[in-house]
Amino acid sequence: MHRYFIIYKPYLVLSQFTSSEGKQTLKAFFNVPSDVYPVGRLDYDSEGLLILTNDASLNHRLLNPSFAHEREYWAQVDGDIQEKALHELRSGVSITINGSKYRTRSCKATRFPNTPPVPDRNPPIRFRKEIPTSWIKLVLTEGKNRQVRKMTAQTGFPTLRLIRYRIGGITLDGLLPGEMREMNKNDIYTRLFGGRA
């Protein structure tokens, strides 16, 4: 039977259930059947939405680049980001992927007027009184390795904290770090792809 879970992966946790590196894994927080695995990944130092399932078809549809779907990230960046940098992000910037130059696809990039409703991070980011930070929302339809961090750094505003808030129509709403919710197949396919499984 196919099972579907959405989780809020905490900061400094690997997106897997086992590790030979001695780092904390999902196993410390989530108890799911042994055949259930994350779809895709979030970096160790990122946090937010992950989908866990044993449905290979869902895995394929979410990870195959030909099925472009939106992923929304909330990034706290170093500095007072302005429209010029946001315009660069929207238009696409040149980053390095596996040693080669890559130009990111156009995306949506907006600045939050105030800090969005995010849980405290443990440990918190390093606070520097003389350097402001700002929060931006980035909506991408691709997912290269450490893409958001590379994009914001390229515009001069390194990412300090990164949260994946949404995949398709599924969001983190109602979940805190380390929390999980099970969903049924029709609901998850409808919210991800706009139609039944």
C-alpha atoms as a PDB file:
ATOM      1  CA  MET A   1       0.000   0.000   0.000  1.00  0.00           C
ATOM      2  CA  HIS A   2       1.290   3.447  -0.892  1.00  0.00           C
ATOM      3  CA  ARG A   3       1.841   5.845   2.000  1.00  0.00           C
ATOM      4  CA  TYR A   4       2.417   9.602   1.827  1.00  0.00           C
ATOM      5  CA  PHE A   5       3.839  11.858   4.511  1.00  0.00           C
ATOM      6  CA  ILE A   6       4.837  15.497   4.534  1.00  0.00           C
ATOM      7  CA  ILE A   7       7.438  16.556   7.081  1.00  0.00           C
ATOM      8  CA  TYR A   8       9.248  19.662   8.278  1.00  0.00           C
ATOM      9  CA  LYS A   9      12.901  18.639   8.126  1.00  0.00           C
ATOM     10  CA  PRO A  10      14.793  20.414  10.902  1.00  0.00           C
ATOM     11  CA  TYR A  11      18.063  22.300  10.450  1.00  0.00           C
ATOM     12  CA  LEU A  12      21.276  20.200  10.568  1.00  0.00           C
ATOM     13  CA  VAL A  13      19.515  16.934   9.745  1.00  0.00           C
ATOM     14  CA  LEU A  14      20.340  14.755   6.727  1.00  0.00           C
ATOM     15  CA  SER A  15      17.501  14.049   4.259  1.00  0.00           C
ATOM     16  CA  GLN A  16      17.883  10.289   4.788  1.00  0.00           C
ATOM     17  CA  PHE A  17      17.302   7.667   7.460  1.00  0.00           C
ATOM     18  CA  THR A  18      20.844   6.303   7.805  1.00  0.00           C
ATOM     19  CA  SER A  19      24.280   7.897   7.946  1.00  0.00           C
ATOM     20  CA  SER A  20      27.848   6.703   8.223  1.00  0.00           C
ATOM     21  CA  GLU A  21      28.994  10.257   8.982  1.00  0.00           C
ATOM     22  CA  GLY A  22      27.615  10.458  12.508  1.00  0.00           C
ATOM     23  CA  LYS A  23      25.230  13.262  11.533  1.00  0.00           C
ATOM     24  CA  GLN A  24      21.639  13.387  12.699  1.00  0.00           C
ATOM     25  CA  THR A  25      19.138  11.794  10.278  1.00  0.00           C
ATOM     26  CA  LEU A  26      15.375  11.765   9.755  1.00  0.00           C
ATOM     27  CA  LYS A  27      15.234   8.609  11.901  1.00  0.00           C
ATOM     28  CA  ALA A  28      15.683  10.733  15.032  1.00  0.00           C
ATOM     29  CA  PHE A  29      12.387  12.537  14.328  1.00  0.00           C
ATOM     30  CA  PHE A  30      10.120  10.459  12.103  1.00  0.00           C
ATOM     31  CA  ASN A  31       8.780   6.935  12.476  1.00  0.00           C
ATOM     32  CA  VAL A  32       7.606   5.678   9.068  1.00  0.00           C
ATOM     33  CA  PRO A  33       7.472   2.231   7.363  1.00  0.00           C
ATOM     34  CA  SER A  34      10.900   0.955   6.292  1.00  0.00           C
ATOM     35  CA  ASP A  35      10.067   1.179   2.563  1.00  0.00           C
ATOM     36  CA  VAL A  36       9.204   4.910   2.765  1.00  0.00           C
ATOM     37  CA  TYR A  37      11.884   7.348   1.612  1.00  0.00           C
ATOM     38  CA  PRO A  38      12.230  11.089   0.931  1.00  0.00           C
ATOM     39  CA  VAL A  39      11.396  12.359  -2.547  1.00  0.00           C
ATOM     40  CA  GLY A  40      14.414  14.462  -3.430  1.00  0.00           C
ATOM     41  CA  ARG A  41      16.407  16.095  -0.692  1.00  0.00           C
ATOM     42  CA  LEU A  42      17.072  19.209   1.299  1.00  0.00           C
ATOM     43  CA  ASP A  43      20.619  20.143   2.223  1.00  0.00           C
ATOM     44  CA  TYR A  44      21.866  19.354   5.725  1.00  0.00           C
ATOM     45  CA  ASP A  45      21.922  23.083   6.559  1.00  0.00           C
ATOM     46  CA  SER A  46      18.517  23.816   5.018  1.00  0.00           C
ATOM     47  CA  GLU A  47      15.121  23.100   6.548  1.00  0.00           C
ATOM     48  CA  GLY A  48      11.522  22.733   5.544  1.00  0.00           C
ATOM     49  CA  LEU A  49       9.168  20.651   3.450  1.00  0.00           C
ATOM     50  CA  LEU A  50      10.018  17.100   2.392  1.00  0.00           C
ATOM     51  CA  ILE A  51       7.642  14.469   1.035  1.00  0.00           C
ATOM     52  CA  LEU A  52       8.160  10.870   2.136  1.00  0.00           C
ATOM     53  CA  THR A  53       6.577   8.004   0.202  1.00  0.00           C
ATOM     54  CA  ASN A  54       6.969   4.483  -1.175  1.00  0.00           C
ATOM     55  CA  ASP A  55       5.165   5.504  -4.401  1.00  0.00           C
ATOM     56  CA  ALA A  56       7.783   5.245  -7.185  1.00  0.00           C
ATOM     57  CA  SER A  57       5.446   6.970  -9.650  1.00  0.00           C
ATOM     58  CA  LEU A  58       5.188  10.060  -7.451  1.00  0.00           C
ATOM     59  CA  ASN A  59       8.953  10.002  -6.996  1.00  0.00           C
ATOM     60  CA  HIS A  60       9.413  10.006 -10.797  1.00  0.00           C
ATOM     61  CA  ARG A  61       6.932  12.826 -11.409  1.00  0.00           C
ATOM     62  CA  LEU A  62       8.494  15.060  -8.778  1.00  0.00           C
ATOM     63  CA  LEU A  63      12.139  14.458  -9.674  1.00  0.00           C
ATOM     64  CA  ASN A  64      12.042  14.232 -13.486  1.00  0.00           C
ATOM     65  CA  PRO A  65      12.905  17.730 -14.812  1.00  0.00           C
ATOM     66  CA  SER A  66      10.362  17.385 -17.647  1.00  0.00           C
ATOM     67  CA  PHE A  67       7.540  17.673 -15.062  1.00  0.00           C
ATOM     68  CA  ALA A  68       8.432  21.226 -13.987  1.00  0.00           C
ATOM     69  CA  HIS A  69       6.583  22.107 -10.800  1.00  0.00           C
ATOM     70  CA  GLU A  70       6.947  25.009  -8.414  1.00  0.00           C
ATOM     71  CA  ARG A  71       9.098  24.879  -5.302  1.00  0.00           C
ATOM     72  CA  GLU A  72       8.859  27.896  -3.012  1.00  0.00           C
ATOM     73  CA  TYR A  73      11.750  28.826  -0.750  1.00  0.00           C
ATOM     74  CA  TRP A  74      11.954  31.443   1.981  1.00  0.00           C
ATOM     75  CA  ALA A  75      15.518  32.710   2.352  1.00  0.00           C
ATOM     76  CA  GLN A  76      16.937  35.023   4.978  1.00  0.00           C
ATOM     77  CA  VAL A  77      19.810  36.812   3.281  1.00  0.00           C
ATOM     78  CA  ASP A  78      22.745  38.826   4.538  1.00  0.00           C
ATOM     79  CA  GLY A  79      22.131  42.492   3.802  1.00  0.00           C
ATOM     80  CA  ASP A  80      19.289  44.810   2.823  1.00  0.00           C
ATOM     81  CA  ILE A  81      18.324  43.282  -0.531  1.00  0.00           C
ATOM     82  CA  GLN A  82      17.005  45.715  -3.135  1.00  0.00           C
ATOM     83  CA  GLU A  83      15.000  45.509  -6.363  1.00  0.00           C
ATOM     84  CA  LYS A  84      18.124  45.327  -8.556  1.00  0.00           C
ATOM     85  CA  ALA A  85      19.180  42.018  -6.986  1.00  0.00           C
ATOM     86  CA  LEU A  86      15.612  40.686  -7.067  1.00  0.00           C
ATOM     87  CA  HIS A  87      15.427  41.537 -10.775  1.00  0.00           C
ATOM     88  CA  GLU A  88      18.672  39.619 -11.368  1.00  0.00           C
ATOM     89  CA  LEU A  89      17.248  36.594  -9.541  1.00  0.00           C
ATOM     90  CA  ARG A  90      14.029  36.737 -11.587  1.00  0.00           C
ATOM     91  CA  SER A  91      15.895  36.986 -14.876  1.00  0.00           C
ATOM     92  CA  GLY A  92      18.316  34.138 -14.143  1.00  0.00           C
ATOM     93  CA  VAL A  93      21.880  34.248 -12.863  1.00  0.00           C
ATOM     94  CA  SER A  94      25.008  32.327 -13.787  1.00  0.00           C
ATOM     95  CA  ILE A  95      26.031  29.751 -11.174  1.00  0.00           C
ATOM     96  CA  THR A  96      28.399  26.785 -11.172  1.00  0.00           C
ATOM     97  CA  ILE A  97      26.960  23.251 -11.170  1.00  0.00           C
ATOM     98  CA  ASN A  98      29.407  20.323 -11.126  1.00  0.00           C
ATOM     99  CA  GLY A  99      32.208  22.569 -12.310  1.00  0.00           C
ATOM    100  CA  SER A 100      30.267  23.993 -15.281  1.00  0.00           C
ATOM    101  CA  LYS A 101      28.566  27.350 -15.714  1.00  0.00           C
ATOM    102  CA  TYR A 102      24.775  27.154 -15.611  1.00  0.00           C
ATOM    103  CA  ARG A 103      22.233  29.931 -16.119  1.00  0.00           C
ATOM    104  CA  THR A 104      19.216  29.530 -13.884  1.00  0.00           C
ATOM    105  CA  ARG A 105      15.720  29.625 -15.368  1.00  0.00           C
ATOM    106  CA  SER A 106      13.611  32.693 -14.797  1.00  0.00           C
ATOM    107  CA  CYS A 107      11.802  32.527 -11.460  1.00  0.00           C
ATOM    108  CA  LYS A 108       9.662  34.582  -9.106  1.00  0.00           C
ATOM    109  CA  ALA A 109      11.539  36.608  -6.495  1.00  0.00           C
ATOM    110  CA  THR A 110       9.953  39.007  -4.011  1.00  0.00           C
ATOM    111  CA  ARG A 111      10.998  40.550  -0.738  1.00  0.00           C
ATOM    112  CA  PHE A 112       8.937  40.046   2.413  1.00  0.00           C
ATOM    113  CA  PRO A 113       8.052  43.442   3.937  1.00  0.00           C
ATOM    114  CA  ASN A 114       8.525  41.893   7.393  1.00  0.00           C
ATOM    115  CA  THR A 115       9.911  38.669   8.795  1.00  0.00           C
ATOM    116  CA  PRO A 116       7.582  35.856   7.656  1.00  0.00           C
ATOM    117  CA  PRO A 117       5.968  33.537  10.239  1.00  0.00           C
ATOM    118  CA  VAL A 118       8.853  31.097  10.708  1.00  0.00           C
ATOM    119  CA  PRO A 119       9.760  29.078  13.808  1.00  0.00           C
ATOM    120  CA  ASP A 120      12.925  29.933  15.701  1.00  0.00           C
ATOM    121  CA  ARG A 121      15.959  28.061  14.463  1.00  0.00           C
ATOM    122  CA  ASN A 122      18.151  26.115  16.846  1.00  0.00           C
ATOM    123  CA  PRO A 123      20.891  27.232  16.843  1.00  0.00           C
ATOM    124  CA  PRO A 124      19.857  30.693  15.605  1.00  0.00           C
ATOM    125  CA  ILE A 125      21.739  32.488  12.829  1.00  0.00           C
ATOM    126  CA  ARG A 126      24.637  34.647  13.950  1.00  0.00           C
ATOM    127  CA  PHE A 127      23.261  38.119  14.670  1.00  0.00           C
ATOM    128  CA  ARG A 128      25.331  41.128  13.626  1.00  0.00           C
ATOM    129  CA  LYS A 129      23.910  44.442  14.741  1.00  0.00           C
ATOM    130  CA  GLU A 130      25.643  46.491  12.032  1.00  0.00           C
ATOM    131  CA  ILE A 131      24.547  44.307   9.098  1.00  0.00           C
ATOM    132  CA  PRO A 132      20.806  43.997   8.404  1.00  0.00           C
ATOM    133  CA  THR A 133      19.166  40.883   7.026  1.00  0.00           C
ATOM    134  CA  SER A 134      16.131  40.531   4.787  1.00  0.00           C
ATOM    135  CA  TRP A 135      13.748  37.737   3.860  1.00  0.00           C
ATOM    136  CA  ILE A 136      12.899  36.870   0.274  1.00  0.00           C
ATOM    137  CA  LYS A 137      10.540  34.419  -1.392  1.00  0.00           C
ATOM    138  CA  LEU A 138      11.893  32.496  -4.388  1.00  0.00           C
ATOM    139  CA  VAL A 139       9.656  30.281  -6.530  1.00  0.00           C
ATOM    140  CA  LEU A 140      11.683  27.956  -8.774  1.00  0.00           C
ATOM    141  CA  THR A 141      10.716  25.252 -11.270  1.00  0.00           C
ATOM    142  CA  GLU A 142      14.096  23.523 -11.085  1.00  0.00           C
ATOM    143  CA  GLY A 143      16.213  22.142  -8.290  1.00  0.00           C
ATOM    144  CA  LYS A 144      19.964  22.135  -8.855  1.00  0.00           C
ATOM    145  CA  ASN A 145      22.357  21.354  -6.013  1.00  0.00           C
ATOM    146  CA  ARG A 146      22.435  24.273  -3.519  1.00  0.00           C
ATOM    147  CA  GLN A 147      20.788  26.424  -6.174  1.00  0.00           C
ATOM    148  CA  VAL A 148      19.116  29.046  -3.982  1.00  0.00           C
ATOM    149  CA  ARG A 149      22.291  29.637  -1.966  1.00  0.00           C
ATOM    150  CA  LYS A 150      24.360  29.982  -5.149  1.00  0.00           C
ATOM    151  CA  MET A 151      21.798  32.340  -6.699  1.00  0.00           C
ATOM    152  CA  THR A 152      21.586  34.739  -3.751  1.00  0.00           C
ATOM    153  CA  ALA A 153      25.374  34.716  -3.292  1.00  0.00           C
ATOM    154  CA  GLN A 154      25.772  35.596  -6.977  1.00  0.00           C
ATOM    155  CA  THR A 155      23.720  38.762  -6.436  1.00  0.00           C
ATOM    156  CA  GLY A 156      25.781  39.745  -3.372  1.00  0.00           C
ATOM    157  CA  PHE A 157      23.322  38.608  -0.688  1.00  0.00           C
ATOM    158  CA  PRO A 158      24.461  35.269   0.799  1.00  0.00           C
ATOM    159  CA  THR A 159      21.758  33.051   2.297  1.00  0.00           C
ATOM    160  CA  LEU A 160      21.845  32.763   6.084  1.00  0.00           C
ATOM    161  CA  ARG A 161      18.763  30.604   6.552  1.00  0.00           C
ATOM    162  CA  LEU A 162      16.847  28.615   3.951  1.00  0.00           C
ATOM    163  CA  ILE A 163      13.379  27.072   4.315  1.00  0.00           C
ATOM    164  CA  ARG A 164      11.506  25.176   1.605  1.00  0.00           C
ATOM    165  CA  TYR A 165       7.952  26.301   2.257  1.00  0.00           C
ATOM    166  CA  ARG A 166       6.005  24.775  -0.632  1.00  0.00           C
ATOM    167  CA  ILE A 167       6.092  22.052  -3.309  1.00  0.00           C
ATOM    168  CA  GLY A 168       3.248  22.462  -5.822  1.00  0.00           C
ATOM    169  CA  GLY A 169       0.166  23.114  -3.687  1.00  0.00           C
ATOM    170  CA  ILE A 170       1.546  21.488  -0.518  1.00  0.00           C
ATOM    171  CA  THR A 171       2.913  23.820   2.161  1.00  0.00           C
ATOM    172  CA  LEU A 172       4.468  23.659   5.606  1.00  0.00           C
ATOM    173  CA  ASP A 173       1.404  25.332   7.135  1.00  0.00           C
ATOM    174  CA  GLY A 174       0.591  23.785  10.497  1.00  0.00           C
ATOM    175  CA  LEU A 175       3.937  21.973  10.834  1.00  0.00           C
ATOM    176  CA  LEU A 176       6.890  22.826  13.060  1.00  0.00           C
ATOM    177  CA  PRO A 177      10.418  21.414  12.700  1.00  0.00           C
ATOM    178  CA  GLY A 178      10.354  17.678  13.399  1.00  0.00           C
ATOM    179  CA  GLU A 179       6.600  17.332  12.795  1.00  0.00           C
ATOM    180  CA  MET A 180       4.875  15.118  10.215  1.00  0.00           C
ATOM    181  CA  ARG A 181       1.438  14.723   8.650  1.00  0.00           C
ATOM    182  CA  GLU A 182       0.134  11.757   6.645  1.00  0.00           C
ATOM    183  CA  MET A 183      -1.862  12.454   3.492  1.00  0.00           C
ATOM    184  CA  ASN A 184      -3.953  10.253   1.213  1.00  0.00           C
ATOM    185  CA  LYS A 185      -3.076   9.618  -2.432  1.00  0.00           C
ATOM    186  CA  ASN A 186      -5.843  11.659  -4.052  1.00  0.00           C
ATOM    187  CA  ASP A 187      -5.176  14.650  -1.828  1.00  0.00           C
ATOM    188  CA  ILE A 188      -1.428  14.665  -2.421  1.00  0.00           C
ATOM    189  CA  TYR A 189      -1.722  14.189  -6.215  1.00  0.00           C
ATOM    190  CA  THR A 190      -4.399  16.883  -6.465  1.00  0.00           C
ATOM    191  CA  ARG A 191      -2.355  19.383  -4.481  1.00  0.00           C
ATOM    192  CA  LEU A 192       0.835  18.591  -6.373  1.00  0.00           C
ATOM    193  CA  PHE A 193      -0.431  18.205  -9.921  1.00  0.00           C
ATOM    194  CA  GLY A 194      -3.960  19.601  -9.926  1.00  0.00           C
ATOM    195  CA  GLY A 195      -5.568  16.267 -10.760  1.00  0.00           C
ATOM    196  CA  ARG A 196      -6.309  12.818  -9.440  1.00  0.00           C
ATOM    197  CA  ALA A 197      -3.630  10.140  -9.246  1.00  0.00           C
END
